[in-house]
Amino acid sequence: MRVALLGSAQKASSDDVALHVPGPPGCRLSENGAVPELPEVQALVEFLRERTDGLAIVGIELGSVSVLKTYDPAPASLHGLPIGGVTRHGKFIDIEAEGLHLVFHLARAGWLRWSDTLAATTIRPGKSPIALRCRLSDGSGFDLTEAGTQKRLAVYIVRDPLEVPGILHLGPDPMAEDFTVADFVSLLEGRRTQVKGLLKDQAFLAGVGNAYSDEVLHAARLSPFALASSLDEEQVERLYSALRGTLAGAIKAASGKPAKELKDAKRAGMRVHGRTGQACPVCGDIVREVSFADSSLQYCATCQTGGKPLADRRMSRLLK
């Protein structure tokens, strides 16, 4: 069986198992919950950790030179090295092999396609839709690919994960055991920023994106446009509990599931995100949407804004 992360424009064959399905070029990927965030990346880490246990990297092939953001160590430096572990830093996946780290970020339209038996054909730069291929010592391995024209998939080969700029500047992991409500309070102090944008800011918190920020705010009964600095003590505690609880529930839902069920499990667990026009499962009001240039947010006015719909400036302009 071949386990694959497929784009929605591709149809899975009988031996493909989808892990993550980004939309077609030009779509607003964040709106359908398909972009991998902390829970899905954690599930993928667990999947790779199990599949690569006891194996060594025997080949790294580049189909896109631009996807590799580092030049030293060279890809060949990984050849022959046994894999020591697979970990997560926010939305980054880190495969460690004797002190070297193969780190990658799937961004908005990247995906990983696992094969129990990789094709023998060597990929060449500019000749394949595959950005990178990693071959393992038992003949298995994975390909990294990316849909669409905006190429944001990024791969790094480093001696220390902190050499990756995106990891160096990450905020705390909201699921870390030592991340307390007091830590959260200190992070929010003086932040005159809308809480929705703050939750998505990777320098503020690592791993939360558009989908789960919608879900967290709905669970906390807070407006996405509320200023962080204006939240009172009770609201901050509610937000902290919703953050930890929502992510913990999503991680539990994803953990141990067959890879093909991860995307559907994420969507099934969403209460407001991606559900514009549907009934709020808490109060029965209609889930509303605010659209931006390349994304949107969903919320329940009754649960989160005192029954007042938020202004959707984009739609207002269209109606004029």
C-alpha atoms as a PDB file:
ATOM      1  CA  MET A   1       0.000   0.000   0.000  1.00  0.00           C
ATOM      2  CA  ARG A   2       1.205   3.514  -0.755  1.00  0.00           C
ATOM      3  CA  VAL A   3       0.378   6.242   1.713  1.00  0.00           C
ATOM      4  CA  ALA A   4       0.103   9.639   0.092  1.00  0.00           C
ATOM      5  CA  LEU A   5      -0.654  13.257   0.691  1.00  0.00           C
ATOM      6  CA  LEU A   6      -2.607  14.333  -2.366  1.00  0.00           C
ATOM      7  CA  GLY A   7      -3.883  17.575  -3.813  1.00  0.00           C
ATOM      8  CA  SER A   8      -7.623  17.831  -4.237  1.00  0.00           C
ATOM      9  CA  ALA A   9      -7.157  18.089  -7.976  1.00  0.00           C
ATOM     10  CA  GLN A  10      -5.639  14.595  -7.896  1.00  0.00           C
ATOM     11  CA  LYS A  11      -7.691  11.452  -7.449  1.00  0.00           C
ATOM     12  CA  ALA A  12      -6.335   8.810  -5.101  1.00  0.00           C
ATOM     13  CA  SER A  13      -5.761   5.411  -6.668  1.00  0.00           C
ATOM     14  CA  SER A  14      -6.545   2.226  -4.763  1.00  0.00           C
ATOM     15  CA  ASP A  15      -3.085   2.170  -3.163  1.00  0.00           C
ATOM     16  CA  ASP A  16      -3.043   5.840  -2.157  1.00  0.00           C
ATOM     17  CA  VAL A  17      -3.965   7.009   1.331  1.00  0.00           C
ATOM     18  CA  ALA A  18      -4.421  10.769   1.633  1.00  0.00           C
ATOM     19  CA  LEU A  19      -2.834  12.651   4.533  1.00  0.00           C
ATOM     20  CA  HIS A  20      -3.426  16.244   3.482  1.00  0.00           C
ATOM     21  CA  VAL A  21      -5.411  17.636   0.600  1.00  0.00           C
ATOM     22  CA  PRO A  22      -4.780  21.238  -0.423  1.00  0.00           C
ATOM     23  CA  GLY A  23      -7.144  22.804  -2.902  1.00  0.00           C
ATOM     24  CA  PRO A  24      -6.532  23.631  -6.524  1.00  0.00           C
ATOM     25  CA  PRO A  25      -4.402  26.606  -7.599  1.00  0.00           C
ATOM     26  CA  GLY A  26      -5.984  29.927  -6.751  1.00  0.00           C
ATOM     27  CA  CYS A  27      -8.413  28.695  -4.106  1.00  0.00           C
ATOM     28  CA  ARG A  28      -8.460  30.101  -0.583  1.00  0.00           C
ATOM     29  CA  LEU A  29      -6.946  27.038   1.053  1.00  0.00           C
ATOM     30  CA  SER A  30      -7.463  28.261   4.586  1.00  0.00           C
ATOM     31  CA  GLU A  31     -11.219  28.194   4.219  1.00  0.00           C
ATOM     32  CA  ASN A  32     -11.704  24.452   3.918  1.00  0.00           C
ATOM     33  CA  GLY A  33      -9.556  23.429   6.865  1.00  0.00           C
ATOM     34  CA  ALA A  34      -7.108  21.551   4.638  1.00  0.00           C
ATOM     35  CA  VAL A  35      -3.998  23.528   5.549  1.00  0.00           C
ATOM     36  CA  PRO A  36      -1.998  21.521   8.108  1.00  0.00           C
ATOM     37  CA  GLU A  37      -1.786  23.102  11.549  1.00  0.00           C
ATOM     38  CA  LEU A  38      -0.385  21.876  14.856  1.00  0.00           C
ATOM     39  CA  PRO A  39      -2.678  18.821  15.318  1.00  0.00           C
ATOM     40  CA  GLU A  40      -2.223  17.552  11.746  1.00  0.00           C
ATOM     41  CA  VAL A  41       1.521  18.196  11.760  1.00  0.00           C
ATOM     42  CA  GLN A  42       1.764  16.336  15.071  1.00  0.00           C
ATOM     43  CA  ALA A  43      -0.137  13.401  13.549  1.00  0.00           C
ATOM     44  CA  LEU A  44       2.195  13.431  10.557  1.00  0.00           C
ATOM     45  CA  VAL A  45       5.219  13.480  12.888  1.00  0.00           C
ATOM     46  CA  GLU A  46       3.856  10.425  14.701  1.00  0.00           C
ATOM     47  CA  PHE A  47       3.234   8.715  11.364  1.00  0.00           C
ATOM     48  CA  LEU A  48       6.788   9.378  10.146  1.00  0.00           C
ATOM     49  CA  ARG A  49       8.293   8.447  13.509  1.00  0.00           C
ATOM     50  CA  GLU A  50       6.662   5.031  13.303  1.00  0.00           C
ATOM     51  CA  ARG A  51       7.455   4.465   9.635  1.00  0.00           C
ATOM     52  CA  THR A  52      11.121   5.553   9.832  1.00  0.00           C
ATOM     53  CA  ASP A  53      12.042   3.754  13.060  1.00  0.00           C
ATOM     54  CA  GLY A  54      15.281   1.825  12.554  1.00  0.00           C
ATOM     55  CA  LEU A  55      15.812   3.148   9.014  1.00  0.00           C
ATOM     56  CA  ALA A  56      18.534   5.262   7.448  1.00  0.00           C
ATOM     57  CA  ILE A  57      18.414   7.934   4.761  1.00  0.00           C
ATOM     58  CA  VAL A  58      20.039   6.599   1.606  1.00  0.00           C
ATOM     59  CA  GLY A  59      19.214   9.370  -0.836  1.00  0.00           C
ATOM     60  CA  ILE A  60      17.963  12.939  -1.157  1.00  0.00           C
ATOM     61  CA  GLU A  61      16.908  14.013  -4.644  1.00  0.00           C
ATOM     62  CA  LEU A  62      15.860  17.532  -5.605  1.00  0.00           C
ATOM     63  CA  GLY A  63      13.205  18.173  -8.203  1.00  0.00           C
ATOM     64  CA  SER A  64      13.200  21.872  -7.338  1.00  0.00           C
ATOM     65  CA  VAL A  65      16.423  23.647  -6.453  1.00  0.00           C
ATOM     66  CA  SER A  66      14.522  26.597  -4.966  1.00  0.00           C
ATOM     67  CA  VAL A  67      12.760  24.458  -2.334  1.00  0.00           C
ATOM     68  CA  LEU A  68      16.082  23.931  -0.508  1.00  0.00           C
ATOM     69  CA  LYS A  69      16.839  27.058   1.509  1.00  0.00           C
ATOM     70  CA  THR A  70      20.299  25.978   2.728  1.00  0.00           C
ATOM     71  CA  TYR A  71      23.480  24.841   0.942  1.00  0.00           C
ATOM     72  CA  ASP A  72      25.696  23.624   3.789  1.00  0.00           C
ATOM     73  CA  PRO A  73      25.444  20.795   4.765  1.00  0.00           C
ATOM     74  CA  ALA A  74      24.749  19.460   1.285  1.00  0.00           C
ATOM     75  CA  PRO A  75      21.931  16.938   0.737  1.00  0.00           C
ATOM     76  CA  ALA A  76      24.528  14.194   0.211  1.00  0.00           C
ATOM     77  CA  SER A  77      25.629  14.721   3.831  1.00  0.00           C
ATOM     78  CA  LEU A  78      22.491  12.851   4.939  1.00  0.00           C
ATOM     79  CA  HIS A  79      23.223   9.754   2.848  1.00  0.00           C
ATOM     80  CA  GLY A  80      23.773   6.676   4.979  1.00  0.00           C
ATOM     81  CA  LEU A  81      22.809   8.322   8.265  1.00  0.00           C
ATOM     82  CA  PRO A  82      20.363   6.454  10.555  1.00  0.00           C
ATOM     83  CA  ILE A  83      17.274   8.400  11.563  1.00  0.00           C
ATOM     84  CA  GLY A  84      17.327   9.182  15.257  1.00  0.00           C
ATOM     85  CA  GLY A  85      13.902  10.758  15.611  1.00  0.00           C
ATOM     86  CA  VAL A  86      11.122  12.900  14.162  1.00  0.00           C
ATOM     87  CA  THR A  87       9.889  15.966  16.034  1.00  0.00           C
ATOM     88  CA  ARG A  88       7.781  19.064  15.548  1.00  0.00           C
ATOM     89  CA  HIS A  89       8.581  22.763  15.968  1.00  0.00           C
ATOM     90  CA  GLY A  90       5.304  24.627  15.474  1.00  0.00           C
ATOM     91  CA  LYS A  91       4.335  23.610  11.927  1.00  0.00           C
ATOM     92  CA  PHE A  92       7.872  22.516  11.013  1.00  0.00           C
ATOM     93  CA  ILE A  93       8.726  18.804  10.784  1.00  0.00           C
ATOM     94  CA  ASP A  94      12.263  17.835  11.853  1.00  0.00           C
ATOM     95  CA  ILE A  95      13.878  14.509  10.901  1.00  0.00           C
ATOM     96  CA  GLU A  96      17.119  14.079  12.848  1.00  0.00           C
ATOM     97  CA  ALA A  97      19.965  11.862  11.601  1.00  0.00           C
ATOM     98  CA  GLU A  98      23.213  11.757  13.593  1.00  0.00           C
ATOM     99  CA  GLY A  99      23.297  15.444  14.370  1.00  0.00           C
ATOM    100  CA  LEU A 100      21.934  16.672  11.045  1.00  0.00           C
ATOM    101  CA  HIS A 101      18.340  17.770  10.621  1.00  0.00           C
ATOM    102  CA  LEU A 102      16.133  17.541   7.537  1.00  0.00           C
ATOM    103  CA  VAL A 103      13.522  20.191   8.324  1.00  0.00           C
ATOM    104  CA  PHE A 104      10.534  21.117   6.179  1.00  0.00           C
ATOM    105  CA  HIS A 105       7.426  23.295   6.314  1.00  0.00           C
ATOM    106  CA  LEU A 106       4.473  22.325   4.124  1.00  0.00           C
ATOM    107  CA  ALA A 107       3.182  25.925   3.993  1.00  0.00           C
ATOM    108  CA  ARG A 108      -0.261  26.363   2.412  1.00  0.00           C
ATOM    109  CA  ALA A 109      -0.146  23.981  -0.533  1.00  0.00           C
ATOM    110  CA  GLY A 110       2.673  21.567   0.168  1.00  0.00           C
ATOM    111  CA  TRP A 111       2.166  17.930   0.987  1.00  0.00           C
ATOM    112  CA  LEU A 112       4.081  14.740   1.700  1.00  0.00           C
ATOM    113  CA  ARG A 113       3.470  11.540  -0.229  1.00  0.00           C
ATOM    114  CA  TRP A 114       4.724   8.385   1.437  1.00  0.00           C
ATOM    115  CA  SER A 115       5.465   5.211  -0.505  1.00  0.00           C
ATOM    116  CA  ASP A 116       6.280   1.816   0.944  1.00  0.00           C
ATOM    117  CA  THR A 117       8.219   1.211  -2.268  1.00  0.00           C
ATOM    118  CA  LEU A 118       9.593   4.304  -3.992  1.00  0.00           C
ATOM    119  CA  ALA A 119      10.003   4.333  -7.755  1.00  0.00           C
ATOM    120  CA  ALA A 120      13.569   3.607  -8.835  1.00  0.00           C
ATOM    121  CA  THR A 121      13.565   6.604 -11.190  1.00  0.00           C
ATOM    122  CA  THR A 122      15.795   9.445 -10.017  1.00  0.00           C
ATOM    123  CA  ILE A 123      14.060  12.802 -10.127  1.00  0.00           C
ATOM    124  CA  ARG A 124      15.826  15.732 -11.774  1.00  0.00           C
ATOM    125  CA  PRO A 125      15.476  19.484 -11.171  1.00  0.00           C
ATOM    126  CA  GLY A 126      12.827  21.018 -13.398  1.00  0.00           C
ATOM    127  CA  LYS A 127      11.760  17.642 -14.782  1.00  0.00           C
ATOM    128  CA  SER A 128       9.278  16.575 -12.105  1.00  0.00           C
ATOM    129  CA  PRO A 129       6.370  17.984 -10.073  1.00  0.00           C
ATOM    130  CA  ILE A 130       8.150  16.515  -7.040  1.00  0.00           C
ATOM    131  CA  ALA A 131      10.164  19.098  -5.099  1.00  0.00           C
ATOM    132  CA  LEU A 132      12.176  16.637  -2.993  1.00  0.00           C
ATOM    133  CA  ARG A 133      12.435  12.880  -2.636  1.00  0.00           C
ATOM    134  CA  CYS A 134      13.830  11.179   0.465  1.00  0.00           C
ATOM    135  CA  ARG A 135      14.848   7.520   0.022  1.00  0.00           C
ATOM    136  CA  LEU A 136      15.125   5.197   3.021  1.00  0.00           C
ATOM    137  CA  SER A 137      17.128   2.045   3.572  1.00  0.00           C
ATOM    138  CA  ASP A 138      14.236  -0.419   3.203  1.00  0.00           C
ATOM    139  CA  GLY A 139      13.147   0.973  -0.177  1.00  0.00           C
ATOM    140  CA  SER A 140      10.411   3.176   1.252  1.00  0.00           C
ATOM    141  CA  GLY A 141      10.452   6.955   1.449  1.00  0.00           C
ATOM    142  CA  PHE A 142       8.529  10.098   0.720  1.00  0.00           C
ATOM    143  CA  ASP A 143       8.121  12.885  -1.802  1.00  0.00           C
ATOM    144  CA  LEU A 144       7.440  16.528  -1.018  1.00  0.00           C
ATOM    145  CA  THR A 145       5.324  18.339  -3.608  1.00  0.00           C
ATOM    146  CA  GLU A 146       3.416  21.591  -3.823  1.00  0.00           C
ATOM    147  CA  ALA A 147       0.276  22.633  -5.694  1.00  0.00           C
ATOM    148  CA  GLY A 148      -0.387  26.033  -7.217  1.00  0.00           C
ATOM    149  CA  THR A 149       1.858  28.817  -8.441  1.00  0.00           C
ATOM    150  CA  GLN A 150       2.824  30.324  -5.085  1.00  0.00           C
ATOM    151  CA  LYS A 151       5.798  28.209  -4.047  1.00  0.00           C
ATOM    152  CA  ARG A 152       6.197  28.392  -0.274  1.00  0.00           C
ATOM    153  CA  LEU A 153       7.206  24.835   0.563  1.00  0.00           C
ATOM    154  CA  ALA A 154      10.576  25.125   2.319  1.00  0.00           C
ATOM    155  CA  VAL A 155      13.245  22.534   3.116  1.00  0.00           C
ATOM    156  CA  TYR A 156      16.354  23.033   5.253  1.00  0.00           C
ATOM    157  CA  ILE A 157      19.333  20.803   6.055  1.00  0.00           C
ATOM    158  CA  VAL A 158      20.958  22.127   9.210  1.00  0.00           C
ATOM    159  CA  ARG A 159      23.101  21.093  12.179  1.00  0.00           C
ATOM    160  CA  ASP A 160      20.782  22.840  14.629  1.00  0.00           C
ATOM    161  CA  PRO A 161      17.027  23.453  14.096  1.00  0.00           C
ATOM    162  CA  LEU A 162      17.522  26.993  15.406  1.00  0.00           C
ATOM    163  CA  GLU A 163      19.445  27.737  12.202  1.00  0.00           C
ATOM    164  CA  VAL A 164      16.031  27.759  10.492  1.00  0.00           C
ATOM    165  CA  PRO A 165      14.766  31.365  10.766  1.00  0.00           C
ATOM    166  CA  GLY A 166      11.148  30.312  11.126  1.00  0.00           C
ATOM    167  CA  ILE A 167      12.008  28.060  14.068  1.00  0.00           C
ATOM    168  CA  LEU A 168      14.342  30.583  15.688  1.00  0.00           C
ATOM    169  CA  HIS A 169      11.543  33.142  15.902  1.00  0.00           C
ATOM    170  CA  LEU A 170       8.735  30.788  16.977  1.00  0.00           C
ATOM    171  CA  GLY A 171       6.686  31.686  19.992  1.00  0.00           C
ATOM    172  CA  PRO A 172       5.954  29.120  22.714  1.00  0.00           C
ATOM    173  CA  ASP A 173       4.186  25.885  21.869  1.00  0.00           C
ATOM    174  CA  PRO A 174       0.659  26.162  23.315  1.00  0.00           C
ATOM    175  CA  MET A 175       0.626  22.423  24.042  1.00  0.00           C
ATOM    176  CA  ALA A 176       3.902  22.374  25.966  1.00  0.00           C
ATOM    177  CA  GLU A 177       3.432  20.989  29.475  1.00  0.00           C
ATOM    178  CA  ASP A 178       5.068  24.048  31.008  1.00  0.00           C
ATOM    179  CA  PHE A 179       2.928  26.583  29.107  1.00  0.00           C
ATOM    180  CA  THR A 180       0.757  27.975  31.903  1.00  0.00           C
ATOM    181  CA  VAL A 181      -2.071  30.484  32.054  1.00  0.00           C
ATOM    182  CA  ALA A 182       0.384  32.891  33.713  1.00  0.00           C
ATOM    183  CA  ASP A 183       2.655  32.595  30.660  1.00  0.00           C
ATOM    184  CA  PHE A 184      -0.329  33.316  28.424  1.00  0.00           C
ATOM    185  CA  VAL A 185      -1.298  36.374  30.467  1.00  0.00           C
ATOM    186  CA  SER A 186       2.216  37.790  30.128  1.00  0.00           C
ATOM    187  CA  LEU A 187       2.158  37.234  26.369  1.00  0.00           C
ATOM    188  CA  LEU A 188      -1.093  39.161  26.001  1.00  0.00           C
ATOM    189  CA  GLU A 189      -0.128  42.133  28.157  1.00  0.00           C
ATOM    190  CA  GLY A 190      -0.023  45.390  26.205  1.00  0.00           C
ATOM    191  CA  ARG A 191      -0.942  43.744  22.895  1.00  0.00           C
ATOM    192  CA  ARG A 192      -3.235  46.154  21.058  1.00  0.00           C
ATOM    193  CA  THR A 193      -3.783  43.568  18.359  1.00  0.00           C
ATOM    194  CA  GLN A 194      -6.934  41.738  17.308  1.00  0.00           C
ATOM    195  CA  VAL A 195      -6.909  38.392  19.047  1.00  0.00           C
ATOM    196  CA  LYS A 196      -7.609  36.433  15.855  1.00  0.00           C
ATOM    197  CA  GLY A 197      -4.458  37.746  14.182  1.00  0.00           C
ATOM    198  CA  LEU A 198      -2.442  37.275  17.345  1.00  0.00           C
ATOM    199  CA  LEU A 199      -3.342  33.593  17.646  1.00  0.00           C
ATOM    200  CA  LYS A 200      -2.169  33.043  14.056  1.00  0.00           C
ATOM    201  CA  ASP A 201       1.114  34.898  14.600  1.00  0.00           C
ATOM    202  CA  GLN A 202       3.807  32.202  14.775  1.00  0.00           C
ATOM    203  CA  ALA A 203       6.092  34.532  16.727  1.00  0.00           C
ATOM    204  CA  PHE A 204       3.366  34.757  19.377  1.00  0.00           C
ATOM    205  CA  LEU A 205       2.284  31.098  19.478  1.00  0.00           C
ATOM    206  CA  ALA A 206       3.670  28.215  17.447  1.00  0.00           C
ATOM    207  CA  GLY A 207       1.404  26.032  15.350  1.00  0.00           C
ATOM    208  CA  VAL A 208      -2.033  27.693  15.314  1.00  0.00           C
ATOM    209  CA  GLY A 209      -3.400  28.847  11.965  1.00  0.00           C
ATOM    210  CA  ASN A 210      -6.612  30.161  10.460  1.00  0.00           C
ATOM    211  CA  ALA A 211      -8.810  27.143  11.137  1.00  0.00           C
ATOM    212  CA  TYR A 212      -7.976  26.479  14.761  1.00  0.00           C
ATOM    213  CA  SER A 213      -7.925  30.161  15.682  1.00  0.00           C
ATOM    214  CA  ASP A 214     -11.581  30.286  14.544  1.00  0.00           C
ATOM    215  CA  GLU A 215     -12.352  27.213  16.623  1.00  0.00           C
ATOM    216  CA  VAL A 216     -10.529  28.466  19.710  1.00  0.00           C
ATOM    217  CA  LEU A 217     -12.303  31.827  19.637  1.00  0.00           C
ATOM    218  CA  HIS A 218     -15.678  30.171  19.219  1.00  0.00           C
ATOM    219  CA  ALA A 219     -15.005  27.887  22.180  1.00  0.00           C
ATOM    220  CA  ALA A 220     -13.853  30.910  24.219  1.00  0.00           C
ATOM    221  CA  ARG A 221     -16.940  32.939  23.169  1.00  0.00           C
ATOM    222  CA  LEU A 222     -14.771  35.845  22.019  1.00  0.00           C
ATOM    223  CA  SER A 223     -14.958  38.092  18.984  1.00  0.00           C
ATOM    224  CA  PRO A 224     -12.084  37.596  16.532  1.00  0.00           C
ATOM    225  CA  PHE A 225     -11.793  41.390  16.362  1.00  0.00           C
ATOM    226  CA  ALA A 226     -11.427  41.864  20.135  1.00  0.00           C
ATOM    227  CA  LEU A 227      -8.181  43.553  21.143  1.00  0.00           C
ATOM    228  CA  ALA A 228      -5.967  41.302  23.224  1.00  0.00           C
ATOM    229  CA  SER A 229      -5.141  44.105  25.643  1.00  0.00           C
ATOM    230  CA  SER A 230      -8.853  44.673  26.355  1.00  0.00           C
ATOM    231  CA  LEU A 231      -9.550  41.155  27.619  1.00  0.00           C
ATOM    232  CA  ASP A 232     -10.288  40.871  31.316  1.00  0.00           C
ATOM    233  CA  GLU A 233      -8.929  38.118  33.567  1.00  0.00           C
ATOM    234  CA  GLU A 234     -11.914  35.830  33.108  1.00  0.00           C
ATOM    235  CA  GLN A 235     -11.801  36.181  29.316  1.00  0.00           C
ATOM    236  CA  VAL A 236      -8.063  35.431  29.228  1.00  0.00           C
ATOM    237  CA  GLU A 237      -8.553  32.297  31.322  1.00  0.00           C
ATOM    238  CA  ARG A 238     -11.407  31.266  29.022  1.00  0.00           C
ATOM    239  CA  LEU A 239      -9.217  31.808  25.975  1.00  0.00           C
ATOM    240  CA  TYR A 240      -6.352  29.812  27.492  1.00  0.00           C
ATOM    241  CA  SER A 241      -8.647  26.901  28.354  1.00  0.00           C
ATOM    242  CA  ALA A 242     -10.219  26.994  24.882  1.00  0.00           C
ATOM    243  CA  LEU A 243      -6.793  27.071  23.228  1.00  0.00           C
ATOM    244  CA  ARG A 244      -5.456  24.080  25.109  1.00  0.00           C
ATOM    245  CA  GLY A 245      -8.726  22.173  25.025  1.00  0.00           C
ATOM    246  CA  THR A 246      -9.391  22.669  21.316  1.00  0.00           C
ATOM    247  CA  LEU A 247      -5.892  21.636  20.288  1.00  0.00           C
ATOM    248  CA  ALA A 248      -5.820  18.690  22.681  1.00  0.00           C
ATOM    249  CA  GLY A 249      -9.117  17.441  21.295  1.00  0.00           C
ATOM    250  CA  ALA A 250      -7.895  17.774  17.707  1.00  0.00           C
ATOM    251  CA  ILE A 251      -4.636  15.975  18.489  1.00  0.00           C
ATOM    252  CA  LYS A 252      -6.565  13.158  20.155  1.00  0.00           C
ATOM    253  CA  ALA A 253      -8.919  12.924  17.166  1.00  0.00           C
ATOM    254  CA  ALA A 254      -5.995  12.673  14.730  1.00  0.00           C
ATOM    255  CA  SER A 255      -3.755  10.388  16.782  1.00  0.00           C
ATOM    256  CA  GLY A 256      -3.753   6.772  15.713  1.00  0.00           C
ATOM    257  CA  LYS A 257      -6.178   7.271  12.852  1.00  0.00           C
ATOM    258  CA  PRO A 258      -5.409   5.770   9.459  1.00  0.00           C
ATOM    259  CA  ALA A 259      -3.652   8.420   7.425  1.00  0.00           C
ATOM    260  CA  LYS A 260      -6.499   8.586   4.933  1.00  0.00           C
ATOM    261  CA  GLU A 261      -8.859   9.810   7.669  1.00  0.00           C
ATOM    262  CA  LEU A 262      -6.841  12.795   8.919  1.00  0.00           C
ATOM    263  CA  LYS A 263      -8.298  15.458   6.654  1.00  0.00           C
ATOM    264  CA  ASP A 264     -11.867  14.318   7.133  1.00  0.00           C
ATOM    265  CA  ALA A 265     -11.313  14.070  10.884  1.00  0.00           C
ATOM    266  CA  LYS A 266     -10.125  17.669  10.971  1.00  0.00           C
ATOM    267  CA  ARG A 267     -13.114  18.951   9.010  1.00  0.00           C
ATOM    268  CA  ALA A 268     -15.561  16.860  11.021  1.00  0.00           C
ATOM    269  CA  GLY A 269     -14.259  18.384  14.225  1.00  0.00           C
ATOM    270  CA  MET A 270     -14.751  21.989  13.087  1.00  0.00           C
ATOM    271  CA  ARG A 271     -17.671  23.784  14.730  1.00  0.00           C
ATOM    272  CA  VAL A 272     -17.492  27.068  12.801  1.00  0.00           C
ATOM    273  CA  HIS A 273     -14.476  27.102  10.506  1.00  0.00           C
ATOM    274  CA  GLY A 274     -15.445  26.264   6.937  1.00  0.00           C
ATOM    275  CA  ARG A 275     -19.130  26.088   7.913  1.00  0.00           C
ATOM    276  CA  THR A 276     -20.471  29.425   6.673  1.00  0.00           C
ATOM    277  CA  GLY A 277     -24.268  29.357   6.468  1.00  0.00           C
ATOM    278  CA  GLN A 278     -24.633  26.272   8.635  1.00  0.00           C
ATOM    279  CA  ALA A 279     -26.110  26.192  12.116  1.00  0.00           C
ATOM    280  CA  CYS A 280     -23.851  26.820  15.092  1.00  0.00           C
ATOM    281  CA  PRO A 281     -23.771  23.535  17.052  1.00  0.00           C
ATOM    282  CA  VAL A 282     -23.951  25.454  20.335  1.00  0.00           C
ATOM    283  CA  CYS A 283     -26.788  27.954  19.856  1.00  0.00           C
ATOM    284  CA  GLY A 284     -28.294  27.218  16.433  1.00  0.00           C
ATOM    285  CA  ASP A 285     -27.532  30.648  14.962  1.00  0.00           C
ATOM    286  CA  ILE A 286     -26.088  30.792  11.443  1.00  0.00           C
ATOM    287  CA  VAL A 287     -22.300  30.685  11.152  1.00  0.00           C
ATOM    288  CA  ARG A 288     -21.133  33.909   9.497  1.00  0.00           C
ATOM    289  CA  GLU A 289     -18.007  34.805   7.525  1.00  0.00           C
ATOM    290  CA  VAL A 290     -15.686  37.759   7.097  1.00  0.00           C
ATOM    291  CA  SER A 291     -13.662  37.628   3.877  1.00  0.00           C
ATOM    292  CA  PHE A 292     -10.198  39.002   3.231  1.00  0.00           C
ATOM    293  CA  ALA A 293      -8.032  39.054   0.105  1.00  0.00           C
ATOM    294  CA  ASP A 294      -6.713  35.509   0.445  1.00  0.00           C
ATOM    295  CA  SER A 295      -8.527  34.036   3.425  1.00  0.00           C
ATOM    296  CA  SER A 296     -11.652  34.253   5.552  1.00  0.00           C
ATOM    297  CA  LEU A 297     -12.764  33.723   9.115  1.00  0.00           C
ATOM    298  CA  GLN A 298     -15.942  32.148  10.440  1.00  0.00           C
ATOM    299  CA  TYR A 299     -17.742  32.913  13.694  1.00  0.00           C
ATOM    300  CA  CYS A 300     -21.096  32.774  15.468  1.00  0.00           C
ATOM    301  CA  ALA A 301     -22.551  36.183  16.273  1.00  0.00           C
ATOM    302  CA  THR A 302     -24.714  34.864  19.105  1.00  0.00           C
ATOM    303  CA  CYS A 303     -21.863  33.006  20.815  1.00  0.00           C
ATOM    304  CA  GLN A 304     -19.080  35.501  20.148  1.00  0.00           C
ATOM    305  CA  THR A 305     -20.222  39.054  19.407  1.00  0.00           C
ATOM    306  CA  GLY A 306     -23.380  39.605  21.415  1.00  0.00           C
ATOM    307  CA  GLY A 307     -25.526  38.887  18.356  1.00  0.00           C
ATOM    308  CA  LYS A 308     -23.961  41.658  16.261  1.00  0.00           C
ATOM    309  CA  PRO A 309     -22.646  40.604  12.822  1.00  0.00           C
ATOM    310  CA  LEU A 310     -19.103  41.756  12.123  1.00  0.00           C
ATOM    311  CA  ALA A 311     -18.502  44.114   9.196  1.00  0.00           C
ATOM    312  CA  ASP A 312     -17.337  42.313   6.070  1.00  0.00           C
ATOM    313  CA  ARG A 313     -15.645  45.147   4.197  1.00  0.00           C
ATOM    314  CA  ARG A 314     -14.912  43.037   1.170  1.00  0.00           C
ATOM    315  CA  MET A 315     -18.555  42.082   0.677  1.00  0.00           C
ATOM    316  CA  SER A 316     -19.649  45.665   1.376  1.00  0.00           C
ATOM    317  CA  ARG A 317     -17.499  46.895  -1.505  1.00  0.00           C
ATOM    318  CA  LEU A 318     -18.959  44.265  -3.807  1.00  0.00           C
ATOM    319  CA  LEU A 319     -22.500  45.359  -2.951  1.00  0.00           C
ATOM    320  CA  LYS A 320     -21.899  49.050  -3.685  1.00  0.00           C
END
